[in-house]
Amino acid sequence: MSSRTKQILQTVIGLGLAAAMLIWGLPYFAKTSWTDIWSVVGSTNFDNRSFGINDEVNLAVFDVDTAQRLARDFAEDLANSKAVNYWDWSRRSLIERGHEWLGWLLERQQ
């Protein structure tokens, strides 16, 4: 997991939102969202780099079957994931925290 991902995870769980890490299966980096009939799948992150510098692509689909499939796939991934809570996250080792800090320090910014 990248240092940036860990920073985002810390923010998410610090706000009291639910988070989980996939422990089985193929990891993928697509961002997905859906409602009853709308689905969006893509690579865009919610940051200035993705919106202004990187080449990103998203696909929006207006289809009930696609939305239901995404919901099923998410439920399966969640079943194969481990919940991450603030208490456990705040108790990770100094070595792990050091790696995160070093990764953040060396991360290329534009």
Protein backbone atom coordinates (compact mmCIF):
# COMPACT_ATOMS: atom_id res chain seq x y z
CA MET A 1 0.00 0.00 0.00
CA SER A 2 1.45 3.36 -0.98
CA SER A 3 2.17 6.06 1.58
CA ARG A 4 -0.47 8.27 -0.05
CA THR A 5 -3.07 5.51 0.26
CA LYS A 6 -2.17 5.11 3.92
CA GLN A 7 -2.57 8.84 4.48
CA ILE A 8 -6.02 8.75 2.88
CA LEU A 9 -6.96 5.68 4.91
CA GLN A 10 -5.94 7.45 8.11
CA THR A 11 -8.10 10.44 7.20
CA VAL A 12 -11.08 8.23 6.34
CA ILE A 13 -11.02 6.22 9.54
CA GLY A 14 -10.18 9.32 11.57
CA LEU A 15 -13.45 10.82 10.38
CA GLY A 16 -15.30 7.74 11.59
CA LEU A 17 -16.03 6.35 8.12
CA ALA A 18 -15.83 2.64 7.40
CA ALA A 19 -12.73 1.31 5.66
CA ALA A 20 -11.51 -2.14 4.71
CA MET A 21 -8.44 -3.66 3.06
CA LEU A 22 -8.81 -6.53 0.59
CA ILE A 23 -6.99 -9.58 1.94
CA TRP A 24 -7.87 -12.07 -0.78
CA GLY A 25 -8.32 -11.67 -4.50
CA LEU A 26 -6.86 -9.43 -7.14
CA PRO A 27 -6.37 -5.82 -6.12
CA TYR A 28 -7.47 -3.24 -8.63
CA PHE A 29 -7.26 0.49 -8.64
CA ALA A 30 -10.48 1.43 -10.39
CA LYS A 31 -12.76 3.77 -8.55
CA THR A 32 -16.37 2.66 -8.66
CA SER A 33 -19.64 4.18 -7.57
CA TRP A 34 -23.21 3.29 -8.31
CA THR A 35 -26.82 3.99 -7.52
CA ASP A 36 -29.83 1.91 -8.53
CA ILE A 37 -29.34 2.71 -12.20
CA TRP A 38 -26.13 4.79 -12.61
CA SER A 39 -22.63 3.32 -12.47
CA VAL A 40 -19.27 5.02 -12.82
CA VAL A 41 -15.97 3.15 -13.13
CA GLY A 42 -12.64 4.80 -13.77
CA SER A 43 -9.10 5.66 -12.81
CA THR A 44 -9.50 9.29 -11.74
CA ASN A 45 -8.47 10.19 -8.20
CA PHE A 46 -9.98 13.17 -6.42
CA ASP A 47 -6.87 15.32 -6.55
CA ASN A 48 -5.42 18.10 -8.67
CA ARG A 49 -2.90 15.81 -10.33
CA SER A 50 -5.58 13.48 -11.68
CA PHE A 51 -7.77 16.32 -12.89
CA GLY A 52 -5.02 18.47 -14.37
CA ILE A 53 -1.91 16.43 -15.22
CA ASN A 54 -2.56 12.69 -15.50
CA ASP A 55 -4.35 10.95 -18.33
CA GLU A 56 -7.39 9.42 -16.66
CA VAL A 57 -10.57 7.83 -17.94
CA ASN A 58 -14.01 7.19 -16.43
CA LEU A 59 -17.01 5.41 -17.87
CA ALA A 60 -20.56 6.26 -16.81
CA VAL A 61 -23.27 3.70 -17.52
CA PHE A 62 -27.04 4.10 -17.20
CA ASP A 63 -28.06 0.46 -16.70
CA VAL A 64 -29.70 -1.41 -13.83
CA ASP A 65 -27.87 -4.70 -14.51
CA THR A 66 -24.47 -3.01 -14.44
CA ALA A 67 -25.26 -1.27 -11.15
CA GLN A 68 -26.42 -4.55 -9.61
CA ARG A 69 -23.26 -6.33 -10.82
CA LEU A 70 -21.04 -3.65 -9.27
CA ALA A 71 -22.96 -3.98 -6.00
CA ARG A 72 -22.48 -7.78 -6.02
CA ASP A 73 -18.76 -7.48 -6.83
CA PHE A 74 -18.29 -4.93 -4.05
CA ALA A 75 -20.11 -7.17 -1.55
CA GLU A 76 -17.83 -10.07 -2.53
CA ASP A 77 -14.71 -7.92 -2.14
CA LEU A 78 -15.94 -6.65 1.21
CA ALA A 79 -16.49 -10.23 2.40
CA ASN A 80 -12.82 -10.91 1.56
CA SER A 81 -11.56 -7.80 3.33
CA LYS A 82 -10.42 -6.92 6.81
CA ALA A 83 -12.05 -3.96 8.55
CA VAL A 84 -9.64 -1.19 9.48
CA ASN A 85 -10.48 0.80 12.57
CA TYR A 86 -8.85 3.85 14.09
CA TRP A 87 -7.68 2.07 17.24
CA ASP A 88 -5.70 -0.61 15.36
CA TRP A 89 -4.43 1.91 12.82
CA SER A 90 -3.14 4.26 15.52
CA ARG A 91 -1.25 1.36 17.14
CA ARG A 92 0.80 0.30 14.08
CA SER A 93 4.56 -0.09 14.61
CA LEU A 94 7.13 2.68 14.49
CA ILE A 95 8.83 0.87 11.59
CA GLU A 96 5.64 0.97 9.54
CA ARG A 97 5.09 4.62 10.41
CA GLY A 98 8.70 5.37 9.45
CA HIS A 99 8.22 3.74 6.04
CA GLU A 100 5.07 5.79 5.51
CA TRP A 101 6.84 9.01 6.48
CA LEU A 102 9.82 8.23 4.23
CA GLY A 103 7.50 7.38 1.34
CA TRP A 104 5.63 10.64 1.84
CA LEU A 105 8.91 12.56 1.96
CA LEU A 106 10.24 10.98 -1.25
CA GLU A 107 6.95 11.04 -3.14
CA ARG A 108 7.24 13.03 -6.33
CA GLN A 109 4.95 16.03 -6.35
CA GLN A 110 3.94 18.24 -9.26
